[in-house]
Amino acid sequence: AVITRNTILYNLAFIVIGIVLGIFLAILITEVANKTLKKLYQSAILVPFLMSIVIVSYIVYAFLGAEHGLINISVLPMLGKEPVSWYTRPQYWPFILVFVHTWKGIGYGCLIYISTINGIDKSLYEAASLDGAGILKQIRYVTLPCLKGTVITLTLLNIGKIFYADFGLFYQVPMNSGQLYDTTNVIDTYVYRYGIQLGNYTFGTAVGLMKSVFGFFLVWLTNFISGKVLDMRIF
């Protein structure tokens, strides 16, 4: 029950934050007038996505290491706080994992939203401007409605993987610390530890089949609801 709860809640947080922050950053970048700066920002936001999760885990360790981590030797002393043993404190890791996942993956979704925004008919903005709409109203009444199809598509794809977890994020980044299992153990890491390491391959296969069946059902259900509520279906 705990690992299923962890998997679903983490993925829900990833989906919601990814959509909101991705759209926000996409709008900010598309509003940049300088083309060189716009390309620079697009490239910079995609760099973490291209990094190996092993590299990301060592970057996180450089910040959170107990003896030489930047947070413990620089930030906390400035605030008058005692050093924290981050890799033995499970209460901090839901926030750390959500932050790391968002930092690493936000660029992918952001670029998709940027592409959608660039494809919006410019005459819609011109018409809105002539009607007296400022930038905020243009975003509300033109940009966001035109992004609806992209948001639904990405949400469906992510909901289909809601029982899957980024193995590297939950295994490599916390350094497989046993004291963090309550908050870092998800279905994929559990299957690896119980199924693969112990040689119980039948269990791993059964869990994989279960995730696929539930994922398909959730995609179908979400698509059905979007068709009824938003009058938009992907299939």
C-alpha atoms as a PDB file:
ATOM      1  CA  ALA A   1       0.000   0.000   0.000  1.00  0.00           C
ATOM      2  CA  VAL A   2       2.812   2.423   0.866  1.00  0.00           C
ATOM      3  CA  ILE A   3       4.734   1.916  -2.363  1.00  0.00           C
ATOM      4  CA  THR A   4       1.566   2.239  -4.458  1.00  0.00           C
ATOM      5  CA  ARG A   5       0.644   5.424  -2.585  1.00  0.00           C
ATOM      6  CA  ASN A   6       4.140   6.820  -3.081  1.00  0.00           C
ATOM      7  CA  THR A   7       4.117   6.017  -6.799  1.00  0.00           C
ATOM      8  CA  ILE A   8       0.717   7.593  -7.473  1.00  0.00           C
ATOM      9  CA  LEU A   9       1.220  10.700  -5.321  1.00  0.00           C
ATOM     10  CA  TYR A  10       4.663  11.437  -6.736  1.00  0.00           C
ATOM     11  CA  ASN A  11       3.405  11.074 -10.303  1.00  0.00           C
ATOM     12  CA  LEU A  12       0.378  13.279  -9.624  1.00  0.00           C
ATOM     13  CA  ALA A  13       2.690  15.953  -8.226  1.00  0.00           C
ATOM     14  CA  PHE A  14       4.981  15.594 -11.254  1.00  0.00           C
ATOM     15  CA  ILE A  15       2.038  15.959 -13.660  1.00  0.00           C
ATOM     16  CA  VAL A  16       0.477  19.017 -12.006  1.00  0.00           C
ATOM     17  CA  ILE A  17       3.735  20.880 -11.394  1.00  0.00           C
ATOM     18  CA  GLY A  18       5.033  19.963 -14.853  1.00  0.00           C
ATOM     19  CA  ILE A  19       1.948  21.376 -16.574  1.00  0.00           C
ATOM     20  CA  VAL A  20       1.719  24.590 -14.540  1.00  0.00           C
ATOM     21  CA  LEU A  21       5.426  25.409 -14.496  1.00  0.00           C
ATOM     22  CA  GLY A  22       5.957  24.250 -18.089  1.00  0.00           C
ATOM     23  CA  ILE A  23       3.223  26.551 -19.422  1.00  0.00           C
ATOM     24  CA  PHE A  24       4.446  29.436 -17.239  1.00  0.00           C
ATOM     25  CA  LEU A  25       8.046  29.157 -18.479  1.00  0.00           C
ATOM     26  CA  ALA A  26       6.927  28.621 -22.090  1.00  0.00           C
ATOM     27  CA  ILE A  27       4.920  31.848 -22.005  1.00  0.00           C
ATOM     28  CA  LEU A  28       7.809  33.753 -20.429  1.00  0.00           C
ATOM     29  CA  ILE A  29      10.285  32.514 -23.043  1.00  0.00           C
ATOM     30  CA  THR A  30       7.990  33.226 -25.990  1.00  0.00           C
ATOM     31  CA  GLU A  31       7.529  36.796 -24.721  1.00  0.00           C
ATOM     32  CA  VAL A  32      11.287  37.446 -24.951  1.00  0.00           C
ATOM     33  CA  ALA A  33      11.833  39.802 -27.874  1.00  0.00           C
ATOM     34  CA  ASN A  34      15.540  39.096 -28.439  1.00  0.00           C
ATOM     35  CA  LYS A  35      15.816  35.980 -30.646  1.00  0.00           C
ATOM     36  CA  THR A  36      19.330  35.151 -29.423  1.00  0.00           C
ATOM     37  CA  LEU A  37      18.267  35.248 -25.783  1.00  0.00           C
ATOM     38  CA  LYS A  38      15.161  33.218 -26.602  1.00  0.00           C
ATOM     39  CA  LYS A  39      17.274  30.446 -28.163  1.00  0.00           C
ATOM     40  CA  LEU A  40      19.676  30.601 -25.219  1.00  0.00           C
ATOM     41  CA  TYR A  41      16.865  30.169 -22.700  1.00  0.00           C
ATOM     42  CA  GLN A  42      15.370  27.275 -24.672  1.00  0.00           C
ATOM     43  CA  SER A  43      18.730  25.507 -24.794  1.00  0.00           C
ATOM     44  CA  ALA A  44      19.486  26.173 -21.121  1.00  0.00           C
ATOM     45  CA  ILE A  45      16.156  24.791 -19.906  1.00  0.00           C
ATOM     46  CA  LEU A  46      16.696  21.565 -21.895  1.00  0.00           C
ATOM     47  CA  VAL A  47      20.224  20.846 -20.591  1.00  0.00           C
ATOM     48  CA  PRO A  48      19.133  19.091 -17.349  1.00  0.00           C
ATOM     49  CA  PHE A  49      16.794  16.822 -19.352  1.00  0.00           C
ATOM     50  CA  LEU A  50      19.765  15.588 -21.376  1.00  0.00           C
ATOM     51  CA  MET A  51      21.841  14.781 -18.283  1.00  0.00           C
ATOM     52  CA  SER A  52      22.285  11.230 -17.080  1.00  0.00           C
ATOM     53  CA  ILE A  53      20.499  10.515 -13.814  1.00  0.00           C
ATOM     54  CA  VAL A  54      23.874   9.401 -12.412  1.00  0.00           C
ATOM     55  CA  ILE A  55      25.275  12.885 -13.010  1.00  0.00           C
ATOM     56  CA  VAL A  56      22.139  14.398 -11.462  1.00  0.00           C
ATOM     57  CA  SER A  57      22.533  12.195  -8.388  1.00  0.00           C
ATOM     58  CA  TYR A  58      26.095  13.436  -7.836  1.00  0.00           C
ATOM     59  CA  ILE A  59      24.979  17.046  -8.314  1.00  0.00           C
ATOM     60  CA  VAL A  60      22.342  16.470  -5.624  1.00  0.00           C
ATOM     61  CA  TYR A  61      24.975  14.860  -3.390  1.00  0.00           C
ATOM     62  CA  ALA A  62      27.247  17.882  -3.904  1.00  0.00           C
ATOM     63  CA  PHE A  63      24.502  19.988  -2.359  1.00  0.00           C
ATOM     64  CA  LEU A  64      23.246  17.560   0.303  1.00  0.00           C
ATOM     65  CA  GLY A  65      26.344  15.638   1.394  1.00  0.00           C
ATOM     66  CA  ALA A  66      26.637  15.495   5.186  1.00  0.00           C
ATOM     67  CA  GLU A  67      30.294  16.611   5.426  1.00  0.00           C
ATOM     68  CA  HIS A  68      31.044  18.534   2.245  1.00  0.00           C
ATOM     69  CA  GLY A  69      27.602  19.370   0.861  1.00  0.00           C
ATOM     70  CA  LEU A  70      27.062  22.989  -0.120  1.00  0.00           C
ATOM     71  CA  ILE A  71      23.883  23.277   1.952  1.00  0.00           C
ATOM     72  CA  ASN A  72      25.551  22.076   5.145  1.00  0.00           C
ATOM     73  CA  ILE A  73      28.821  23.995   4.861  1.00  0.00           C
ATOM     74  CA  SER A  74      27.502  27.271   3.431  1.00  0.00           C
ATOM     75  CA  VAL A  75      23.746  27.822   3.476  1.00  0.00           C
ATOM     76  CA  LEU A  76      22.724  26.452   6.888  1.00  0.00           C
ATOM     77  CA  PRO A  77      25.583  28.128   8.838  1.00  0.00           C
ATOM     78  CA  MET A  78      24.577  31.472   7.282  1.00  0.00           C
ATOM     79  CA  LEU A  79      21.056  30.914   8.601  1.00  0.00           C
ATOM     80  CA  GLY A  80      22.322  29.874  12.022  1.00  0.00           C
ATOM     81  CA  LYS A  81      21.149  26.288  11.534  1.00  0.00           C
ATOM     82  CA  GLU A  82      22.860  23.027  12.398  1.00  0.00           C
ATOM     83  CA  PRO A  83      23.997  20.703   9.566  1.00  0.00           C
ATOM     84  CA  VAL A  84      21.415  18.120   8.505  1.00  0.00           C
ATOM     85  CA  SER A  85      22.061  14.492   7.624  1.00  0.00           C
ATOM     86  CA  TRP A  86      19.860  14.656   4.538  1.00  0.00           C
ATOM     87  CA  TYR A  87      20.295  11.010   3.517  1.00  0.00           C
ATOM     88  CA  THR A  88      18.863   9.772   6.822  1.00  0.00           C
ATOM     89  CA  ARG A  89      15.894  12.172   7.088  1.00  0.00           C
ATOM     90  CA  PRO A  90      12.956  10.808   5.046  1.00  0.00           C
ATOM     91  CA  GLN A  91      10.700  13.797   5.785  1.00  0.00           C
ATOM     92  CA  TYR A  92      12.695  16.037   3.417  1.00  0.00           C
ATOM     93  CA  TRP A  93      12.778  13.719   0.433  1.00  0.00           C
ATOM     94  CA  PRO A  94       9.303  14.186  -1.059  1.00  0.00           C
ATOM     95  CA  PHE A  95      10.227  17.830  -1.637  1.00  0.00           C
ATOM     96  CA  ILE A  96      13.755  17.009  -2.818  1.00  0.00           C
ATOM     97  CA  LEU A  97      12.571  14.388  -5.311  1.00  0.00           C
ATOM     98  CA  VAL A  98       9.803  16.603  -6.687  1.00  0.00           C
ATOM     99  CA  PHE A  99      12.272  19.486  -7.064  1.00  0.00           C
ATOM    100  CA  VAL A 100      14.904  17.318  -8.789  1.00  0.00           C
ATOM    101  CA  HIS A 101      12.363  15.746 -11.159  1.00  0.00           C
ATOM    102  CA  THR A 102      10.936  19.166 -12.031  1.00  0.00           C
ATOM    103  CA  TRP A 103      14.377  20.686 -12.601  1.00  0.00           C
ATOM    104  CA  LYS A 104      15.464  17.790 -14.787  1.00  0.00           C
ATOM    105  CA  GLY A 105      12.299  17.230 -16.798  1.00  0.00           C
ATOM    106  CA  ILE A 106      10.613  20.606 -17.124  1.00  0.00           C
ATOM    107  CA  GLY A 107      12.516  21.501 -20.291  1.00  0.00           C
ATOM    108  CA  TYR A 108      10.937  18.729 -22.366  1.00  0.00           C
ATOM    109  CA  GLY A 109       7.352  19.762 -21.730  1.00  0.00           C
ATOM    110  CA  CYS A 110       8.253  23.440 -21.894  1.00  0.00           C
ATOM    111  CA  LEU A 111       9.610  23.100 -25.433  1.00  0.00           C
ATOM    112  CA  ILE A 112       6.424  21.340 -26.548  1.00  0.00           C
ATOM    113  CA  TYR A 113       4.355  24.193 -25.150  1.00  0.00           C
ATOM    114  CA  ILE A 114       6.657  26.714 -26.842  1.00  0.00           C
ATOM    115  CA  SER A 115       6.149  24.952 -30.175  1.00  0.00           C
ATOM    116  CA  THR A 116       2.373  25.065 -29.690  1.00  0.00           C
ATOM    117  CA  ILE A 117       2.448  28.763 -28.788  1.00  0.00           C
ATOM    118  CA  ASN A 118       4.608  29.563 -31.830  1.00  0.00           C
ATOM    119  CA  GLY A 119       2.019  27.801 -34.000  1.00  0.00           C
ATOM    120  CA  ILE A 120      -0.894  29.934 -32.802  1.00  0.00           C
ATOM    121  CA  ASP A 121      -2.292  32.199 -35.516  1.00  0.00           C
ATOM    122  CA  LYS A 122      -0.853  35.696 -34.924  1.00  0.00           C
ATOM    123  CA  SER A 123      -4.075  37.261 -36.184  1.00  0.00           C
ATOM    124  CA  LEU A 124      -5.784  36.081 -32.986  1.00  0.00           C
ATOM    125  CA  TYR A 125      -3.392  38.205 -30.921  1.00  0.00           C
ATOM    126  CA  GLU A 126      -3.833  41.142 -33.292  1.00  0.00           C
ATOM    127  CA  ALA A 127      -7.605  40.910 -33.009  1.00  0.00           C
ATOM    128  CA  ALA A 128      -7.404  40.690 -29.225  1.00  0.00           C
ATOM    129  CA  SER A 129      -5.069  43.712 -29.146  1.00  0.00           C
ATOM    130  CA  LEU A 130      -7.460  45.732 -31.285  1.00  0.00           C
ATOM    131  CA  ASP A 131     -10.231  44.864 -28.830  1.00  0.00           C
ATOM    132  CA  GLY A 132      -8.121  46.401 -26.061  1.00  0.00           C
ATOM    133  CA  ALA A 133      -6.757  43.185 -24.520  1.00  0.00           C
ATOM    134  CA  GLY A 134      -3.419  43.542 -22.772  1.00  0.00           C
ATOM    135  CA  ILE A 135      -0.757  40.832 -22.493  1.00  0.00           C
ATOM    136  CA  LEU A 136      -2.438  39.084 -19.559  1.00  0.00           C
ATOM    137  CA  LYS A 137      -5.823  38.968 -21.267  1.00  0.00           C
ATOM    138  CA  GLN A 138      -4.212  37.729 -24.500  1.00  0.00           C
ATOM    139  CA  ILE A 139      -2.614  34.928 -22.520  1.00  0.00           C
ATOM    140  CA  ARG A 140      -5.899  34.101 -20.778  1.00  0.00           C
ATOM    141  CA  TYR A 141      -8.211  34.216 -23.794  1.00  0.00           C
ATOM    142  CA  VAL A 142      -5.882  33.225 -26.657  1.00  0.00           C
ATOM    143  CA  THR A 143      -2.763  31.375 -25.474  1.00  0.00           C
ATOM    144  CA  LEU A 144      -4.243  29.151 -22.765  1.00  0.00           C
ATOM    145  CA  PRO A 145      -7.284  27.973 -24.793  1.00  0.00           C
ATOM    146  CA  CYS A 146      -4.990  27.119 -27.722  1.00  0.00           C
ATOM    147  CA  LEU A 147      -2.792  25.066 -25.390  1.00  0.00           C
ATOM    148  CA  LYS A 148      -5.717  22.918 -24.229  1.00  0.00           C
ATOM    149  CA  GLY A 149      -5.164  20.141 -26.767  1.00  0.00           C
ATOM    150  CA  THR A 150      -1.447  19.888 -25.981  1.00  0.00           C
ATOM    151  CA  VAL A 151      -2.104  19.837 -22.241  1.00  0.00           C
ATOM    152  CA  ILE A 152      -4.681  17.039 -22.591  1.00  0.00           C
ATOM    153  CA  THR A 153      -2.369  14.982 -24.799  1.00  0.00           C
ATOM    154  CA  LEU A 154       0.605  15.260 -22.425  1.00  0.00           C
ATOM    155  CA  THR A 155      -1.635  14.592 -19.430  1.00  0.00           C
ATOM    156  CA  LEU A 156      -2.995  11.412 -21.032  1.00  0.00           C
ATOM    157  CA  LEU A 157       0.528  10.208 -21.779  1.00  0.00           C
ATOM    158  CA  ASN A 158       1.628  10.905 -18.212  1.00  0.00           C
ATOM    159  CA  ILE A 159      -1.456   9.309 -16.652  1.00  0.00           C
ATOM    160  CA  GLY A 160      -0.748   6.174 -18.689  1.00  0.00           C
ATOM    161  CA  LYS A 161       2.583   5.972 -16.835  1.00  0.00           C
ATOM    162  CA  ILE A 162       1.224   6.875 -13.400  1.00  0.00           C
ATOM    163  CA  PHE A 163       2.116   3.424 -12.012  1.00  0.00           C
ATOM    164  CA  TYR A 164       5.614   3.704 -13.439  1.00  0.00           C
ATOM    165  CA  ALA A 165       8.385   5.616 -11.724  1.00  0.00           C
ATOM    166  CA  ASP A 166      11.735   6.987 -12.797  1.00  0.00           C
ATOM    167  CA  PHE A 167      13.916   4.238 -11.352  1.00  0.00           C
ATOM    168  CA  GLY A 168      17.063   6.356 -11.351  1.00  0.00           C
ATOM    169  CA  LEU A 169      15.325   9.220  -9.560  1.00  0.00           C
ATOM    170  CA  PHE A 170      14.076   7.047  -6.699  1.00  0.00           C
ATOM    171  CA  TYR A 171      17.040   4.669  -6.492  1.00  0.00           C
ATOM    172  CA  GLN A 172      20.143   6.581  -7.579  1.00  0.00           C
ATOM    173  CA  VAL A 173      19.417  10.093  -6.287  1.00  0.00           C
ATOM    174  CA  PRO A 174      18.704   8.976  -2.651  1.00  0.00           C
ATOM    175  CA  MET A 175      21.799   6.748  -2.939  1.00  0.00           C
ATOM    176  CA  ASN A 176      19.652   3.684  -2.122  1.00  0.00           C
ATOM    177  CA  SER A 177      19.585   4.730   1.515  1.00  0.00           C
ATOM    178  CA  GLY A 178      17.565   2.227   3.535  1.00  0.00           C
ATOM    179  CA  GLN A 179      16.529   4.925   6.027  1.00  0.00           C
ATOM    180  CA  LEU A 180      14.634   6.715   3.244  1.00  0.00           C
ATOM    181  CA  TYR A 181      12.569   3.778   2.020  1.00  0.00           C
ATOM    182  CA  ASP A 182       9.339   5.081   3.565  1.00  0.00           C
ATOM    183  CA  THR A 183       9.365   8.070   1.196  1.00  0.00           C
ATOM    184  CA  THR A 184      11.540   6.903  -1.704  1.00  0.00           C
ATOM    185  CA  ASN A 185      10.337   3.352  -2.241  1.00  0.00           C
ATOM    186  CA  VAL A 186       8.041   3.100  -5.283  1.00  0.00           C
ATOM    187  CA  ILE A 187       6.771   0.178  -7.346  1.00  0.00           C
ATOM    188  CA  ASP A 188       9.811   0.062  -9.636  1.00  0.00           C
ATOM    189  CA  THR A 189      12.392   0.122  -6.843  1.00  0.00           C
ATOM    190  CA  TYR A 190      10.399  -2.441  -4.872  1.00  0.00           C
ATOM    191  CA  VAL A 191      10.240  -4.774  -7.874  1.00  0.00           C
ATOM    192  CA  TYR A 192      13.990  -4.372  -8.370  1.00  0.00           C
ATOM    193  CA  ARG A 193      14.835  -5.129  -4.752  1.00  0.00           C
ATOM    194  CA  TYR A 194      12.295  -7.904  -4.198  1.00  0.00           C
ATOM    195  CA  GLY A 195      11.963  -9.321  -7.689  1.00  0.00           C
ATOM    196  CA  ILE A 196      15.299  -8.876  -9.461  1.00  0.00           C
ATOM    197  CA  GLN A 197      17.830  -8.976  -6.624  1.00  0.00           C
ATOM    198  CA  LEU A 198      16.114 -11.961  -4.995  1.00  0.00           C
ATOM    199  CA  GLY A 199      15.572 -13.708  -8.323  1.00  0.00           C
ATOM    200  CA  ASN A 200      11.772 -13.622  -8.112  1.00  0.00           C
ATOM    201  CA  TYR A 201      11.267 -12.871 -11.820  1.00  0.00           C
ATOM    202  CA  THR A 202       7.663 -14.110 -11.847  1.00  0.00           C
ATOM    203  CA  PHE A 203       6.740 -11.420  -9.343  1.00  0.00           C
ATOM    204  CA  GLY A 204       8.417  -8.739 -11.440  1.00  0.00           C
ATOM    205  CA  THR A 205       6.560  -9.885 -14.563  1.00  0.00           C
ATOM    206  CA  ALA A 206       3.206  -9.892 -12.748  1.00  0.00           C
ATOM    207  CA  VAL A 207       3.750  -6.370 -11.434  1.00  0.00           C
ATOM    208  CA  GLY A 208       4.740  -5.145 -14.904  1.00  0.00           C
ATOM    209  CA  LEU A 209       1.544  -6.609 -16.382  1.00  0.00           C
ATOM    210  CA  MET A 210      -0.534  -5.043 -13.604  1.00  0.00           C
ATOM    211  CA  LYS A 211       0.960  -1.610 -14.264  1.00  0.00           C
ATOM    212  CA  SER A 212       0.215  -1.878 -17.981  1.00  0.00           C
ATOM    213  CA  VAL A 213      -3.421  -2.905 -17.423  1.00  0.00           C
ATOM    214  CA  PHE A 214      -4.097  -0.165 -14.874  1.00  0.00           C
ATOM    215  CA  GLY A 215      -2.281   2.387 -17.044  1.00  0.00           C
ATOM    216  CA  PHE A 216      -4.433   1.507 -20.062  1.00  0.00           C
ATOM    217  CA  PHE A 217      -7.607   1.787 -17.985  1.00  0.00           C
ATOM    218  CA  LEU A 218      -6.609   5.187 -16.597  1.00  0.00           C
ATOM    219  CA  VAL A 219      -5.779   6.521 -20.068  1.00  0.00           C
ATOM    220  CA  TRP A 220      -9.153   5.354 -21.378  1.00  0.00           C
ATOM    221  CA  LEU A 221     -10.968   6.835 -18.364  1.00  0.00           C
ATOM    222  CA  THR A 222      -9.168  10.178 -18.600  1.00  0.00           C
ATOM    223  CA  ASN A 223      -9.804  10.376 -22.329  1.00  0.00           C
ATOM    224  CA  PHE A 224     -13.503   9.636 -21.741  1.00  0.00           C
ATOM    225  CA  ILE A 225     -13.766  12.310 -19.029  1.00  0.00           C
ATOM    226  CA  SER A 226     -11.978  14.913 -21.187  1.00  0.00           C
ATOM    227  CA  GLY A 227     -14.456  14.146 -23.957  1.00  0.00           C
ATOM    228  CA  LYS A 228     -17.440  14.640 -21.663  1.00  0.00           C
ATOM    229  CA  VAL A 229     -16.180  17.657 -19.719  1.00  0.00           C
ATOM    230  CA  LEU A 230     -13.981  19.502 -22.234  1.00  0.00           C
ATOM    231  CA  ASP A 231     -15.528  18.089 -25.405  1.00  0.00           C
ATOM    232  CA  MET A 232     -12.084  16.992 -26.570  1.00  0.00           C
ATOM    233  CA  ARG A 233     -10.868  13.430 -27.035  1.00  0.00           C
ATOM    234  CA  ILE A 234      -7.498  12.288 -28.300  1.00  0.00           C
ATOM    235  CA  PHE A 235      -8.812   8.902 -29.506  1.00  0.00           C
END
